Amino acid sequence: MRCGAEVRARFAAFPVFVLVIPWQCSLVAPPRDLGPVGPSASSPKQEAPMERVSSAPSVPPPAPTITLPDEVIVKAMDTGQQLFLHCWQRAQRKEPGPIGNKVRLHLDIDAEGRVMTVQSDSDSTVLSSCLAVVARRLPFPAPGQPAVVDLPLMFR
């Protein structure tokens, strides 16, 4: 502890000067008529709104779809009738629970008459996948633009 006492005694021998600078503060507001100086904390900066530009490629609107005449749909269903029935019988053998006997298929057909997508409202995955395979092979004439077809199927 002697060491600390000696250091304090040596520093006590030197006078300490503190320089105090008076700080002048004025509560008077600055004059407002300075012209366009720029934004300040009291007034927000005014910016012109910028237009947003999307970086995603523009997607053309979908082509309007039509529905095919009933006689065209009936002719295509006649072609696949036995295969649709085979799908239902197969699903009854493979699925443990009861399978409904009413199924609605929704087909999206392109301009050349090819079935592009098939959607089924059946709960059976076996039946839905088999019906989709058959529906994709149905012969539809080329309608010249995209078409939609809803096929109600009833099995006994």
N, C-alpha and C. Protein backbone atom coordinates (compact mmCIF):
# COMPACT_ATOMS: atom_id res chain seq x y z
N MET A 1 0.81 -1.20 0.00
CA MET A 1 0.00 0.00 0.00
C MET A 1 0.84 1.26 0.00
N ARG A 2 2.03 1.07 0.37
CA ARG A 2 2.90 2.23 0.40
C ARG A 2 3.10 2.79 -0.98
N CYS A 3 3.11 1.92 -1.90
CA CYS A 3 3.34 2.36 -3.28
C CYS A 3 2.21 3.28 -3.74
N GLY A 4 0.98 2.96 -3.41
CA GLY A 4 -0.14 3.80 -3.81
C GLY A 4 -0.12 5.14 -3.12
N ALA A 5 0.31 5.16 -1.85
CA ALA A 5 0.38 6.41 -1.10
C ALA A 5 1.46 7.32 -1.64
N GLU A 6 2.54 6.73 -2.08
CA GLU A 6 3.63 7.53 -2.65
C GLU A 6 3.20 8.17 -3.97
N VAL A 7 2.49 7.44 -4.79
CA VAL A 7 2.04 7.95 -6.09
C VAL A 7 1.05 9.09 -5.87
N ARG A 8 0.17 8.97 -4.90
CA ARG A 8 -0.79 10.03 -4.64
C ARG A 8 -0.09 11.28 -4.11
N ALA A 9 0.91 11.08 -3.33
CA ALA A 9 1.65 12.23 -2.79
C ALA A 9 2.39 12.96 -3.89
N ARG A 10 2.94 12.22 -4.82
CA ARG A 10 3.66 12.86 -5.93
C ARG A 10 2.69 13.66 -6.81
N PHE A 11 1.51 13.09 -7.10
CA PHE A 11 0.54 13.81 -7.95
C PHE A 11 -0.07 15.00 -7.21
N ALA A 12 -0.13 14.94 -5.91
CA ALA A 12 -0.69 16.05 -5.13
C ALA A 12 0.21 17.26 -5.17
N ALA A 13 1.48 17.02 -5.47
CA ALA A 13 2.42 18.13 -5.53
C ALA A 13 2.21 18.97 -6.79
N PHE A 14 1.60 18.38 -7.83
CA PHE A 14 1.36 19.12 -9.08
C PHE A 14 -0.02 19.75 -9.04
N PRO A 15 -0.09 21.02 -9.33
CA PRO A 15 -1.42 21.64 -9.33
C PRO A 15 -2.22 21.18 -10.57
N VAL A 16 -3.49 21.02 -10.42
CA VAL A 16 -4.39 20.61 -11.50
C VAL A 16 -5.18 21.83 -11.94
N PHE A 17 -5.11 22.09 -13.23
CA PHE A 17 -5.86 23.21 -13.79
C PHE A 17 -7.02 22.66 -14.61
N VAL A 18 -8.14 23.23 -14.43
CA VAL A 18 -9.32 22.84 -15.21
C VAL A 18 -9.72 24.03 -16.03
N LEU A 19 -9.83 23.79 -17.30
CA LEU A 19 -10.22 24.86 -18.23
C LEU A 19 -11.72 24.77 -18.44
N VAL A 20 -12.44 25.78 -18.12
CA VAL A 20 -13.88 25.82 -18.27
C VAL A 20 -14.21 26.80 -19.38
N ILE A 21 -14.85 26.29 -20.41
CA ILE A 21 -15.28 27.15 -21.51
C ILE A 21 -16.78 27.34 -21.38
N PRO A 22 -17.23 28.55 -21.30
CA PRO A 22 -18.67 28.75 -21.18
C PRO A 22 -19.37 28.36 -22.49
N TRP A 23 -20.48 27.68 -22.35
CA TRP A 23 -21.25 27.24 -23.51
C TRP A 23 -22.42 28.19 -23.66
N GLN A 24 -22.49 28.75 -24.83
CA GLN A 24 -23.57 29.71 -25.05
C GLN A 24 -24.70 29.00 -25.78
N CYS A 25 -25.85 29.10 -25.26
CA CYS A 25 -27.02 28.47 -25.85
C CYS A 25 -28.09 29.53 -26.01
N SER A 26 -28.69 29.52 -27.17
CA SER A 26 -29.76 30.47 -27.43
C SER A 26 -31.03 29.70 -27.75
N LEU A 27 -32.10 30.03 -27.14
CA LEU A 27 -33.37 29.36 -27.39
C LEU A 27 -34.18 30.07 -28.46
N VAL A 28 -33.57 30.94 -29.18
CA VAL A 28 -34.25 31.66 -30.24
C VAL A 28 -34.23 30.79 -31.50
N ALA A 29 -35.38 30.64 -32.14
CA ALA A 29 -35.46 29.82 -33.36
C ALA A 29 -34.72 30.51 -34.51
N PRO A 30 -34.11 29.73 -35.40
CA PRO A 30 -33.43 30.33 -36.54
C PRO A 30 -34.45 30.97 -37.47
N PRO A 31 -34.04 31.94 -38.23
CA PRO A 31 -34.99 32.59 -39.16
C PRO A 31 -35.45 31.58 -40.22
N ARG A 32 -36.72 31.67 -40.62
CA ARG A 32 -37.31 30.73 -41.57
C ARG A 32 -37.12 31.14 -43.02
N ASP A 33 -36.79 32.31 -43.29
CA ASP A 33 -36.71 32.80 -44.66
C ASP A 33 -35.28 32.65 -45.21
N LEU A 34 -34.76 31.42 -45.17
CA LEU A 34 -33.41 31.19 -45.68
C LEU A 34 -33.43 30.63 -47.10
N GLY A 35 -34.59 30.33 -47.63
CA GLY A 35 -34.68 29.77 -48.97
C GLY A 35 -34.56 28.24 -48.91
N PRO A 36 -34.44 27.63 -50.05
CA PRO A 36 -34.38 26.16 -50.07
C PRO A 36 -33.02 25.65 -49.59
N VAL A 37 -32.94 25.38 -48.32
CA VAL A 37 -31.69 24.92 -47.73
C VAL A 37 -31.65 23.38 -47.77
N GLY A 38 -32.78 22.73 -47.66
CA GLY A 38 -32.83 21.27 -47.64
C GLY A 38 -33.73 20.81 -46.52
N PRO A 39 -33.87 19.51 -46.39
CA PRO A 39 -34.74 18.99 -45.34
C PRO A 39 -34.12 19.19 -43.98
N SER A 40 -34.99 19.37 -43.02
CA SER A 40 -34.54 19.50 -41.65
C SER A 40 -35.31 18.50 -40.81
N ALA A 41 -34.97 18.44 -39.56
CA ALA A 41 -35.64 17.50 -38.68
C ALA A 41 -37.09 17.90 -38.43
N SER A 42 -37.39 19.19 -38.58
CA SER A 42 -38.75 19.63 -38.30
C SER A 42 -39.66 19.49 -39.51
N SER A 43 -39.11 19.41 -40.73
CA SER A 43 -39.95 19.24 -41.92
C SER A 43 -39.45 18.04 -42.72
N PRO A 44 -40.36 17.14 -43.11
CA PRO A 44 -39.93 15.94 -43.83
C PRO A 44 -39.49 16.27 -45.25
N LYS A 45 -38.62 15.43 -45.75
CA LYS A 45 -38.13 15.59 -47.12
C LYS A 45 -39.23 15.17 -48.08
N GLN A 46 -39.46 15.95 -49.09
CA GLN A 46 -40.49 15.65 -50.08
C GLN A 46 -39.82 15.02 -51.30
N GLU A 47 -40.24 13.80 -51.64
CA GLU A 47 -39.70 13.11 -52.80
C GLU A 47 -40.83 12.76 -53.74
N ALA A 48 -40.52 12.76 -55.00
CA ALA A 48 -41.51 12.35 -56.00
C ALA A 48 -41.60 10.82 -55.95
N PRO A 49 -42.82 10.27 -55.99
CA PRO A 49 -42.95 8.81 -55.95
C PRO A 49 -42.34 8.19 -57.20
N MET A 50 -41.63 7.09 -57.00
CA MET A 50 -40.99 6.40 -58.12
C MET A 50 -41.88 5.26 -58.57
N GLU A 51 -41.84 4.96 -59.84
CA GLU A 51 -42.62 3.88 -60.41
C GLU A 51 -41.90 2.57 -60.17
N ARG A 52 -42.62 1.56 -59.75
CA ARG A 52 -42.01 0.26 -59.51
C ARG A 52 -41.93 -0.51 -60.82
N VAL A 53 -40.81 -1.16 -61.00
CA VAL A 53 -40.59 -1.95 -62.20
C VAL A 53 -40.39 -3.40 -61.76
N SER A 54 -41.16 -4.30 -62.32
CA SER A 54 -41.08 -5.71 -61.95
C SER A 54 -39.93 -6.36 -62.72
N SER A 55 -39.19 -7.20 -62.02
CA SER A 55 -38.11 -7.92 -62.68
C SER A 55 -38.58 -9.25 -63.24
N ALA A 56 -39.81 -9.65 -62.90
CA ALA A 56 -40.36 -10.90 -63.40
C ALA A 56 -40.80 -10.71 -64.86
N PRO A 57 -40.62 -11.75 -65.66
CA PRO A 57 -41.06 -11.62 -67.05
C PRO A 57 -42.58 -11.51 -67.10
N SER A 58 -43.07 -10.73 -68.02
CA SER A 58 -44.51 -10.55 -68.12
C SER A 58 -45.14 -11.82 -68.68
N VAL A 59 -46.23 -12.22 -68.06
CA VAL A 59 -46.93 -13.43 -68.46
C VAL A 59 -48.13 -13.02 -69.31
N PRO A 60 -48.24 -13.59 -70.50
CA PRO A 60 -49.39 -13.22 -71.31
C PRO A 60 -50.67 -13.74 -70.66
N PRO A 61 -51.76 -13.03 -70.84
CA PRO A 61 -53.02 -13.48 -70.24
C PRO A 61 -53.42 -14.82 -70.84
N PRO A 62 -54.07 -15.67 -70.07
CA PRO A 62 -54.47 -16.98 -70.60
C PRO A 62 -55.50 -16.81 -71.71
N ALA A 63 -55.39 -17.70 -72.68
CA ALA A 63 -56.33 -17.66 -73.80
C ALA A 63 -57.72 -18.04 -73.29
N PRO A 64 -58.75 -17.43 -73.84
CA PRO A 64 -60.10 -17.78 -73.40
C PRO A 64 -60.40 -19.24 -73.75
N THR A 65 -61.10 -19.91 -72.83
CA THR A 65 -61.43 -21.31 -73.07
C THR A 65 -62.87 -21.43 -73.53
N ILE A 66 -63.11 -22.48 -74.27
CA ILE A 66 -64.46 -22.77 -74.74
C ILE A 66 -64.89 -24.12 -74.18
N THR A 67 -66.15 -24.43 -74.31
CA THR A 67 -66.63 -25.77 -73.98
C THR A 67 -66.98 -26.45 -75.28
N LEU A 68 -66.70 -27.73 -75.33
CA LEU A 68 -66.96 -28.49 -76.55
C LEU A 68 -68.43 -28.87 -76.63
N PRO A 69 -68.94 -29.05 -77.83
CA PRO A 69 -70.35 -29.47 -77.99
C PRO A 69 -70.58 -30.85 -77.37
N ASP A 70 -71.80 -31.09 -76.94
CA ASP A 70 -72.14 -32.34 -76.26
C ASP A 70 -71.89 -33.57 -77.14
N GLU A 71 -72.18 -33.48 -78.43
CA GLU A 71 -71.98 -34.65 -79.30
C GLU A 71 -70.51 -35.05 -79.40
N VAL A 72 -69.60 -34.07 -79.33
CA VAL A 72 -68.17 -34.37 -79.35
C VAL A 72 -67.76 -35.05 -78.05
N ILE A 73 -68.30 -34.60 -76.94
CA ILE A 73 -67.98 -35.18 -75.64
C ILE A 73 -68.52 -36.61 -75.55
N VAL A 74 -69.74 -36.83 -76.00
CA VAL A 74 -70.35 -38.16 -75.95
C VAL A 74 -69.57 -39.14 -76.81
N LYS A 75 -69.13 -38.71 -77.97
CA LYS A 75 -68.36 -39.57 -78.87
C LYS A 75 -67.03 -39.96 -78.21
N ALA A 76 -66.35 -39.02 -77.55
CA ALA A 76 -65.09 -39.32 -76.88
C ALA A 76 -65.32 -40.24 -75.68
N MET A 77 -66.41 -40.04 -74.94
CA MET A 77 -66.70 -40.89 -73.78
C MET A 77 -67.05 -42.31 -74.22
N ASP A 78 -67.72 -42.47 -75.35
CA ASP A 78 -68.03 -43.81 -75.85
C ASP A 78 -66.75 -44.58 -76.13
N THR A 79 -65.73 -43.89 -76.60
CA THR A 79 -64.45 -44.54 -76.89
C THR A 79 -63.81 -45.05 -75.61
N GLY A 80 -63.91 -44.32 -74.51
CA GLY A 80 -63.26 -44.71 -73.26
C GLY A 80 -64.16 -45.35 -72.25
N GLN A 81 -65.42 -45.66 -72.59
CA GLN A 81 -66.38 -46.16 -71.62
C GLN A 81 -65.92 -47.46 -70.97
N GLN A 82 -65.49 -48.44 -71.75
CA GLN A 82 -65.07 -49.73 -71.18
C GLN A 82 -63.82 -49.57 -70.31
N LEU A 83 -62.91 -48.68 -70.70
CA LEU A 83 -61.70 -48.46 -69.90
C LEU A 83 -62.02 -47.74 -68.59
N PHE A 84 -62.98 -46.80 -68.60
CA PHE A 84 -63.42 -46.14 -67.37
C PHE A 84 -64.02 -47.18 -66.40
N LEU A 85 -64.84 -48.09 -66.94
CA LEU A 85 -65.45 -49.13 -66.12
C LEU A 85 -64.38 -50.06 -65.54
N HIS A 86 -63.38 -50.40 -66.34
CA HIS A 86 -62.27 -51.24 -65.87
C HIS A 86 -61.53 -50.56 -64.71
N CYS A 87 -61.34 -49.23 -64.79
CA CYS A 87 -60.69 -48.49 -63.70
C CYS A 87 -61.48 -48.59 -62.41
N TRP A 88 -62.79 -48.48 -62.52
CA TRP A 88 -63.64 -48.52 -61.33
C TRP A 88 -63.59 -49.91 -60.69
N GLN A 89 -63.65 -50.96 -61.52
CA GLN A 89 -63.59 -52.33 -61.00
C GLN A 89 -62.22 -52.60 -60.36
N ARG A 90 -61.17 -52.12 -60.96
CA ARG A 90 -59.82 -52.29 -60.42
C ARG A 90 -59.70 -51.59 -59.06
N ALA A 91 -60.22 -50.38 -58.96
CA ALA A 91 -60.15 -49.64 -57.70
C ALA A 91 -60.94 -50.34 -56.61
N GLN A 92 -62.07 -50.97 -56.95
CA GLN A 92 -62.86 -51.71 -55.96
C GLN A 92 -62.08 -52.90 -55.41
N ARG A 93 -61.30 -53.54 -56.28
CA ARG A 93 -60.50 -54.68 -55.82
C ARG A 93 -59.33 -54.24 -54.94
N LYS A 94 -58.72 -53.10 -55.25
CA LYS A 94 -57.50 -52.67 -54.56
C LYS A 94 -57.75 -51.81 -53.33
N GLU A 95 -58.82 -51.04 -53.29
CA GLU A 95 -59.10 -50.14 -52.17
C GLU A 95 -59.90 -50.90 -51.12
N PRO A 96 -59.55 -50.73 -49.82
CA PRO A 96 -60.25 -51.47 -48.77
C PRO A 96 -61.67 -50.96 -48.50
N GLY A 97 -61.89 -49.67 -48.59
CA GLY A 97 -63.20 -49.11 -48.25
C GLY A 97 -64.10 -49.01 -49.47
N PRO A 98 -65.35 -48.56 -49.24
CA PRO A 98 -66.26 -48.39 -50.37
C PRO A 98 -65.83 -47.22 -51.27
N ILE A 99 -66.01 -47.40 -52.54
CA ILE A 99 -65.68 -46.36 -53.51
C ILE A 99 -66.99 -45.85 -54.08
N GLY A 100 -67.11 -44.56 -54.13
CA GLY A 100 -68.34 -43.96 -54.66
C GLY A 100 -68.55 -44.34 -56.11
N ASN A 101 -69.82 -44.30 -56.52
CA ASN A 101 -70.10 -44.65 -57.90
C ASN A 101 -70.37 -43.42 -58.78
N LYS A 102 -70.10 -42.23 -58.25
CA LYS A 102 -70.20 -41.00 -59.04
C LYS A 102 -68.85 -40.27 -58.97
N VAL A 103 -68.30 -39.96 -60.13
CA VAL A 103 -67.02 -39.25 -60.21
C VAL A 103 -67.15 -38.19 -61.28
N ARG A 104 -66.61 -37.02 -61.00
CA ARG A 104 -66.58 -35.95 -61.99
C ARG A 104 -65.13 -35.70 -62.38
N LEU A 105 -64.88 -35.75 -63.69
CA LEU A 105 -63.56 -35.45 -64.23
C LEU A 105 -63.61 -34.08 -64.89
N HIS A 106 -62.58 -33.28 -64.63
CA HIS A 106 -62.44 -31.98 -65.28
C HIS A 106 -61.20 -32.07 -66.18
N LEU A 107 -61.39 -31.84 -67.47
CA LEU A 107 -60.31 -31.95 -68.44
C LEU A 107 -60.00 -30.59 -69.04
N ASP A 108 -58.72 -30.27 -69.14
CA ASP A 108 -58.27 -29.09 -69.86
C ASP A 108 -57.66 -29.58 -71.17
N ILE A 109 -58.19 -29.09 -72.28
CA ILE A 109 -57.77 -29.54 -73.61
C ILE A 109 -57.11 -28.39 -74.33
N ASP A 110 -55.98 -28.67 -75.01
CA ASP A 110 -55.29 -27.60 -75.74
C ASP A 110 -55.92 -27.40 -77.12
N ALA A 111 -55.38 -26.48 -77.88
CA ALA A 111 -55.96 -26.12 -79.19
C ALA A 111 -55.90 -27.26 -80.19
N GLU A 112 -54.97 -28.22 -79.99
CA GLU A 112 -54.85 -29.35 -80.92
C GLU A 112 -55.71 -30.55 -80.53
N GLY A 113 -56.42 -30.46 -79.40
CA GLY A 113 -57.30 -31.54 -78.98
C GLY A 113 -56.66 -32.50 -77.99
N ARG A 114 -55.45 -32.22 -77.50
CA ARG A 114 -54.79 -33.08 -76.52
C ARG A 114 -55.26 -32.71 -75.12
N VAL A 115 -55.50 -33.72 -74.30
CA VAL A 115 -55.88 -33.50 -72.90
C VAL A 115 -54.61 -33.15 -72.13
N MET A 116 -54.57 -31.96 -71.57
CA MET A 116 -53.37 -31.49 -70.87
C MET A 116 -53.42 -31.78 -69.37
N THR A 117 -54.53 -31.53 -68.71
CA THR A 117 -54.67 -31.82 -67.28
C THR A 117 -55.99 -32.52 -67.01
N VAL A 118 -55.95 -33.37 -65.99
CA VAL A 118 -57.15 -34.10 -65.57
C VAL A 118 -57.27 -33.94 -64.06
N GLN A 119 -58.45 -33.54 -63.60
CA GLN A 119 -58.72 -33.44 -62.16
C GLN A 119 -59.94 -34.28 -61.85
N SER A 120 -59.85 -35.03 -60.76
CA SER A 120 -60.94 -35.92 -60.36
C SER A 120 -61.40 -35.53 -58.96
N ASP A 121 -62.69 -35.70 -58.69
CA ASP A 121 -63.19 -35.42 -57.34
C ASP A 121 -63.31 -36.69 -56.49
N SER A 122 -62.72 -37.79 -56.96
CA SER A 122 -62.77 -39.05 -56.23
C SER A 122 -61.77 -39.04 -55.08
N ASP A 123 -62.14 -39.70 -53.98
CA ASP A 123 -61.24 -39.84 -52.83
C ASP A 123 -60.24 -40.98 -53.04
N SER A 124 -60.51 -41.86 -53.98
CA SER A 124 -59.65 -43.00 -54.24
C SER A 124 -58.51 -42.58 -55.16
N THR A 125 -57.27 -42.75 -54.68
CA THR A 125 -56.12 -42.41 -55.53
C THR A 125 -55.96 -43.40 -56.66
N VAL A 126 -56.29 -44.67 -56.43
CA VAL A 126 -56.19 -45.69 -57.48
C VAL A 126 -57.15 -45.35 -58.62
N LEU A 127 -58.39 -45.03 -58.27
CA LEU A 127 -59.38 -44.70 -59.28
C LEU A 127 -59.01 -43.41 -60.01
N SER A 128 -58.60 -42.39 -59.28
CA SER A 128 -58.26 -41.10 -59.90
C SER A 128 -57.11 -41.23 -60.88
N SER A 129 -56.06 -41.95 -60.50
CA SER A 129 -54.91 -42.07 -61.40
C SER A 129 -55.25 -42.89 -62.64
N CYS A 130 -56.03 -43.94 -62.48
CA CYS A 130 -56.43 -44.76 -63.64
C CYS A 130 -57.33 -43.97 -64.58
N LEU A 131 -58.30 -43.24 -64.03
CA LEU A 131 -59.19 -42.43 -64.86
C LEU A 131 -58.40 -41.35 -65.60
N ALA A 132 -57.38 -40.79 -64.97
CA ALA A 132 -56.56 -39.77 -65.62
C ALA A 132 -55.81 -40.34 -66.81
N VAL A 133 -55.30 -41.57 -66.68
CA VAL A 133 -54.59 -42.21 -67.79
C VAL A 133 -55.54 -42.42 -68.97
N VAL A 134 -56.74 -42.90 -68.68
CA VAL A 134 -57.72 -43.13 -69.75
C VAL A 134 -58.16 -41.81 -70.37
N ALA A 135 -58.41 -40.80 -69.55
CA ALA A 135 -58.90 -39.52 -70.06
C ALA A 135 -57.86 -38.85 -70.97
N ARG A 136 -56.58 -39.03 -70.68
CA ARG A 136 -55.54 -38.42 -71.52
C ARG A 136 -55.51 -39.04 -72.92
N ARG A 137 -56.08 -40.22 -73.08
CA ARG A 137 -56.08 -40.90 -74.39
C ARG A 137 -57.38 -40.69 -75.18
N LEU A 138 -58.31 -39.95 -74.62
CA LEU A 138 -59.58 -39.74 -75.33
C LEU A 138 -59.35 -38.91 -76.59
N PRO A 139 -60.02 -39.30 -77.69
CA PRO A 139 -59.82 -38.58 -78.96
C PRO A 139 -60.75 -37.37 -79.07
N PHE A 140 -60.20 -36.21 -78.88
CA PHE A 140 -60.97 -34.98 -79.07
C PHE A 140 -60.50 -34.31 -80.35
N PRO A 141 -61.43 -33.74 -81.13
CA PRO A 141 -60.99 -33.00 -82.31
C PRO A 141 -60.31 -31.69 -81.90
N ALA A 142 -59.49 -31.16 -82.79
CA ALA A 142 -58.78 -29.91 -82.49
C ALA A 142 -59.79 -28.76 -82.50
N PRO A 143 -60.03 -28.13 -81.33
CA PRO A 143 -61.00 -27.04 -81.29
C PRO A 143 -60.44 -25.70 -81.77
N GLY A 144 -59.12 -25.59 -81.94
CA GLY A 144 -58.53 -24.34 -82.41
C GLY A 144 -58.17 -23.38 -81.29
N GLN A 145 -58.65 -23.62 -80.09
CA GLN A 145 -58.29 -22.83 -78.91
C GLN A 145 -58.52 -23.72 -77.69
N PRO A 146 -57.95 -23.35 -76.55
CA PRO A 146 -58.12 -24.20 -75.36
C PRO A 146 -59.59 -24.41 -75.00
N ALA A 147 -59.86 -25.60 -74.49
CA ALA A 147 -61.24 -25.95 -74.12
C ALA A 147 -61.24 -26.67 -72.78
N VAL A 148 -62.38 -26.65 -72.12
CA VAL A 148 -62.57 -27.40 -70.88
C VAL A 148 -63.76 -28.33 -71.06
N VAL A 149 -63.64 -29.50 -70.41
CA VAL A 149 -64.71 -30.50 -70.48
C VAL A 149 -64.90 -31.05 -69.09
N ASP A 150 -66.14 -31.12 -68.64
CA ASP A 150 -66.49 -31.78 -67.38
C ASP A 150 -67.24 -33.05 -67.71
N LEU A 151 -66.65 -34.19 -67.29
CA LEU A 151 -67.25 -35.48 -67.57
C LEU A 151 -67.85 -36.06 -66.28
N PRO A 152 -69.17 -36.19 -66.23
CA PRO A 152 -69.77 -36.88 -65.07
C PRO A 152 -69.80 -38.39 -65.37
N LEU A 153 -69.16 -39.16 -64.52
CA LEU A 153 -69.12 -40.62 -64.69
C LEU A 153 -69.93 -41.27 -63.58
N MET A 154 -70.78 -42.23 -63.95
CA MET A 154 -71.59 -42.96 -62.99
C MET A 154 -71.36 -44.44 -63.22
N PHE A 155 -70.98 -45.18 -62.15
CA PHE A 155 -70.66 -46.60 -62.24
C PHE A 155 -71.71 -47.38 -61.48
N ARG A 156 -71.96 -48.67 -61.90
CA ARG A 156 -72.90 -49.55 -61.21
C ARG A 156 -72.22 -50.83 -60.84
